[in-house]
């Protein structure tokens, strides 16, 4: 793939990006087949070249369970506060219905509000 794509892409973005092609969906299918894109879920893709980035798991977690924030051990590791290698990504969300487990990469946890934030 010659052009640079963002790390996380939606089907709407890809359709717009390849709007000059006769069949934009066929172009996306070709990129998937060639391994340049990886489908995370319906309508959400990751640029395969960006998977080498150590922060990519957190970005994927935020895209899957938005609005959310990366939390727990993964955030500690990214900021260099713990020496251990962390393979699971915790996403905290205010949405109670988002308590799902992503396949092999982490969990999403409901984080109830604790009151007003300090100023």
C-alpha atoms as a PDB file:
ATOM      1  CA  UNK A   1       0.000   0.000   0.000  1.00  0.00           C
ATOM      2  CA  UNK A   2       1.579   3.267  -1.059  1.00  0.00           C
ATOM      3  CA  UNK A   3      -0.578   5.865   0.666  1.00  0.00           C
ATOM      4  CA  UNK A   4      -0.421   6.462   4.414  1.00  0.00           C
ATOM      5  CA  UNK A   5      -3.638   5.686   6.252  1.00  0.00           C
ATOM      6  CA  UNK A   6      -4.601   6.575   9.840  1.00  0.00           C
ATOM      7  CA  UNK A   7      -4.160   3.794  12.415  1.00  0.00           C
ATOM      8  CA  UNK A   8      -7.900   3.230  13.000  1.00  0.00           C
ATOM      9  CA  UNK A   9     -10.383   3.583  10.158  1.00  0.00           C
ATOM     10  CA  UNK A  10     -14.133   3.368   9.766  1.00  0.00           C
ATOM     11  CA  UNK A  11     -15.966   2.082   6.731  1.00  0.00           C
ATOM     12  CA  UNK A  12     -17.345   5.602   6.210  1.00  0.00           C
ATOM     13  CA  UNK A  13     -13.816   7.035   6.060  1.00  0.00           C
ATOM     14  CA  UNK A  14     -12.650   4.314   3.667  1.00  0.00           C
ATOM     15  CA  UNK A  15     -15.661   4.783   1.390  1.00  0.00           C
ATOM     16  CA  UNK A  16     -14.903   8.506   1.220  1.00  0.00           C
ATOM     17  CA  UNK A  17     -11.164   7.942   0.752  1.00  0.00           C
ATOM     18  CA  UNK A  18     -11.741   5.625  -2.226  1.00  0.00           C
ATOM     19  CA  UNK A  19     -14.764   7.456  -3.646  1.00  0.00           C
ATOM     20  CA  UNK A  20     -12.995   7.923  -7.011  1.00  0.00           C
ATOM     21  CA  UNK A  21     -12.750   4.156  -7.515  1.00  0.00           C
ATOM     22  CA  UNK A  22     -15.465   2.433  -9.503  1.00  0.00           C
ATOM     23  CA  UNK A  23     -16.229   0.200  -6.504  1.00  0.00           C
ATOM     24  CA  UNK A  24     -14.835   1.554  -3.192  1.00  0.00           C
ATOM     25  CA  UNK A  25     -16.027  -1.519  -1.262  1.00  0.00           C
ATOM     26  CA  UNK A  26     -14.075  -3.786  -3.618  1.00  0.00           C
ATOM     27  CA  UNK A  27     -10.955  -1.674  -2.952  1.00  0.00           C
ATOM     28  CA  UNK A  28     -11.415  -2.124   0.800  1.00  0.00           C
ATOM     29  CA  UNK A  29     -11.957  -5.872   0.309  1.00  0.00           C
ATOM     30  CA  UNK A  30      -8.727  -6.025  -1.702  1.00  0.00           C
ATOM     31  CA  UNK A  31      -6.804  -4.199   1.040  1.00  0.00           C
ATOM     32  CA  UNK A  32      -8.190  -6.673   3.584  1.00  0.00           C
ATOM     33  CA  UNK A  33      -7.211  -9.650   1.431  1.00  0.00           C
ATOM     34  CA  UNK A  34      -3.694  -8.249   0.881  1.00  0.00           C
ATOM     35  CA  UNK A  35      -3.263  -7.803   4.651  1.00  0.00           C
ATOM     36  CA  UNK A  36      -2.956  -4.011   4.613  1.00  0.00           C
ATOM     37  CA  UNK A  37      -6.117  -3.647   6.709  1.00  0.00           C
ATOM     38  CA  UNK A  38      -7.402  -5.801   9.559  1.00  0.00           C
ATOM     39  CA  UNK A  39     -11.100  -5.870  10.368  1.00  0.00           C
ATOM     40  CA  UNK A  40     -11.741  -5.431  14.094  1.00  0.00           C
ATOM     41  CA  UNK A  41     -15.514  -5.465  13.860  1.00  0.00           C
ATOM     42  CA  UNK A  42     -18.107  -4.516  11.276  1.00  0.00           C
ATOM     43  CA  UNK A  43     -17.232  -1.037  10.022  1.00  0.00           C
ATOM     44  CA  UNK A  44     -13.983  -0.721  12.036  1.00  0.00           C
ATOM     45  CA  UNK A  45     -10.529  -1.465  10.646  1.00  0.00           C
ATOM     46  CA  UNK A  46      -6.916  -1.140  11.739  1.00  0.00           C
ATOM     47  CA  UNK A  47      -4.003  -0.261   9.479  1.00  0.00           C
ATOM     48  CA  UNK A  48      -1.785  -3.372   9.682  1.00  0.00           C
ATOM     49  CA  UNK A  49       1.412  -1.302   9.597  1.00  0.00           C
ATOM     50  CA  UNK A  50       0.404   0.447  12.832  1.00  0.00           C
ATOM     51  CA  UNK A  51      -0.043  -2.772  14.823  1.00  0.00           C
ATOM     52  CA  UNK A  52       3.646  -2.649  15.677  1.00  0.00           C
ATOM     53  CA  UNK A  53       3.007   0.491  17.738  1.00  0.00           C
ATOM     54  CA  UNK A  54       3.026  -0.368  21.444  1.00  0.00           C
ATOM     55  CA  UNK A  55       0.073   1.964  22.152  1.00  0.00           C
ATOM     56  CA  UNK A  56      -2.131   0.464  19.445  1.00  0.00           C
ATOM     57  CA  UNK A  57      -3.989  -1.934  21.760  1.00  0.00           C
ATOM     58  CA  UNK A  58      -5.195   1.000  23.844  1.00  0.00           C
ATOM     59  CA  UNK A  59      -6.369   2.861  20.747  1.00  0.00           C
ATOM     60  CA  UNK A  60      -8.255  -0.205  19.538  1.00  0.00           C
ATOM     61  CA  UNK A  61      -9.853  -0.638  22.964  1.00  0.00           C
ATOM     62  CA  UNK A  62     -11.050   2.975  22.929  1.00  0.00           C
ATOM     63  CA  UNK A  63     -12.464   2.556  19.429  1.00  0.00           C
ATOM     64  CA  UNK A  64     -14.291  -0.647  20.409  1.00  0.00           C
ATOM     65  CA  UNK A  65     -15.746   0.560  23.694  1.00  0.00           C
ATOM     66  CA  UNK A  66     -16.146   4.303  23.265  1.00  0.00           C
ATOM     67  CA  UNK A  67     -16.706   6.412  25.137  1.00  0.00           C
ATOM     68  CA  UNK A  68     -14.139   4.839  27.413  1.00  0.00           C
ATOM     69  CA  UNK A  69     -10.623   5.294  28.666  1.00  0.00           C
ATOM     70  CA  UNK A  70      -7.728   2.886  28.948  1.00  0.00           C
ATOM     71  CA  UNK A  71      -7.153   2.076  32.552  1.00  0.00           C
ATOM     72  CA  UNK A  72      -5.630  -0.367  34.986  1.00  0.00           C
ATOM     73  CA  UNK A  73      -2.306  -2.176  34.432  1.00  0.00           C
ATOM     74  CA  UNK A  74      -2.045  -1.289  30.740  1.00  0.00           C
ATOM     75  CA  UNK A  75      -2.005   2.437  31.468  1.00  0.00           C
ATOM     76  CA  UNK A  76       0.582   1.938  34.211  1.00  0.00           C
ATOM     77  CA  UNK A  77       2.826   0.055  31.768  1.00  0.00           C
ATOM     78  CA  UNK A  78       2.454   2.604  28.960  1.00  0.00           C
ATOM     79  CA  UNK A  79       3.509   5.379  31.336  1.00  0.00           C
ATOM     80  CA  UNK A  80       6.456   3.348  32.649  1.00  0.00           C
ATOM     81  CA  UNK A  81       5.115   2.983  36.186  1.00  0.00           C
ATOM     82  CA  UNK A  82       5.412  -0.814  36.286  1.00  0.00           C
ATOM     83  CA  UNK A  83       8.160  -2.910  34.682  1.00  0.00           C
ATOM     84  CA  UNK A  84       6.005  -5.918  33.739  1.00  0.00           C
ATOM     85  CA  UNK A  85       4.810  -6.501  30.196  1.00  0.00           C
ATOM     86  CA  UNK A  86       1.021  -6.196  30.073  1.00  0.00           C
ATOM     87  CA  UNK A  87      -0.915  -7.894  27.286  1.00  0.00           C
ATOM     88  CA  UNK A  88      -4.448  -7.117  28.484  1.00  0.00           C
ATOM     89  CA  UNK A  89      -6.090  -3.758  27.994  1.00  0.00           C
ATOM     90  CA  UNK A  90      -8.640  -2.537  30.518  1.00  0.00           C
ATOM     91  CA  UNK A  91     -11.205  -0.034  29.300  1.00  0.00           C
ATOM     92  CA  UNK A  92     -13.309   1.767  31.859  1.00  0.00           C
ATOM     93  CA  UNK A  93     -16.631   3.142  30.733  1.00  0.00           C
ATOM     94  CA  UNK A  94     -19.581   4.840  32.378  1.00  0.00           C
ATOM     95  CA  UNK A  95     -21.968   2.689  30.328  1.00  0.00           C
ATOM     96  CA  UNK A  96     -23.159  -0.326  32.358  1.00  0.00           C
ATOM     97  CA  UNK A  97     -24.053  -2.294  29.237  1.00  0.00           C
ATOM     98  CA  UNK A  98     -20.466  -2.248  27.987  1.00  0.00           C
ATOM     99  CA  UNK A  99     -19.163  -4.891  30.417  1.00  0.00           C
ATOM    100  CA  UNK A 100     -17.786  -7.147  27.677  1.00  0.00           C
ATOM    101  CA  UNK A 101     -14.520  -8.988  27.221  1.00  0.00           C
ATOM    102  CA  UNK A 102     -12.569  -8.382  24.059  1.00  0.00           C
ATOM    103  CA  UNK A 103     -11.217 -11.490  22.469  1.00  0.00           C
ATOM    104  CA  UNK A 104      -7.821 -12.160  23.943  1.00  0.00           C
ATOM    105  CA  UNK A 105      -6.860  -8.573  24.619  1.00  0.00           C
ATOM    106  CA  UNK A 106      -8.660  -7.276  27.690  1.00  0.00           C
ATOM    107  CA  UNK A 107     -11.870  -6.298  29.387  1.00  0.00           C
ATOM    108  CA  UNK A 108     -14.271  -3.402  29.585  1.00  0.00           C
ATOM    109  CA  UNK A 109     -15.412  -2.466  33.069  1.00  0.00           C
ATOM    110  CA  UNK A 110     -18.210  -0.224  34.299  1.00  0.00           C
ATOM    111  CA  UNK A 111     -16.776   2.612  36.382  1.00  0.00           C
ATOM    112  CA  UNK A 112     -19.557   4.236  38.408  1.00  0.00           C
ATOM    113  CA  UNK A 113     -19.320   7.976  39.028  1.00  0.00           C
ATOM    114  CA  UNK A 114     -17.818   8.840  42.394  1.00  0.00           C
ATOM    115  CA  UNK A 115     -19.003  12.415  42.676  1.00  0.00           C
ATOM    116  CA  UNK A 116     -17.770  15.735  41.353  1.00  0.00           C
ATOM    117  CA  UNK A 117     -14.210  15.915  40.117  1.00  0.00           C
ATOM    118  CA  UNK A 118     -11.808  18.032  42.187  1.00  0.00           C
ATOM    119  CA  UNK A 119     -10.914  21.397  40.706  1.00  0.00           C
END
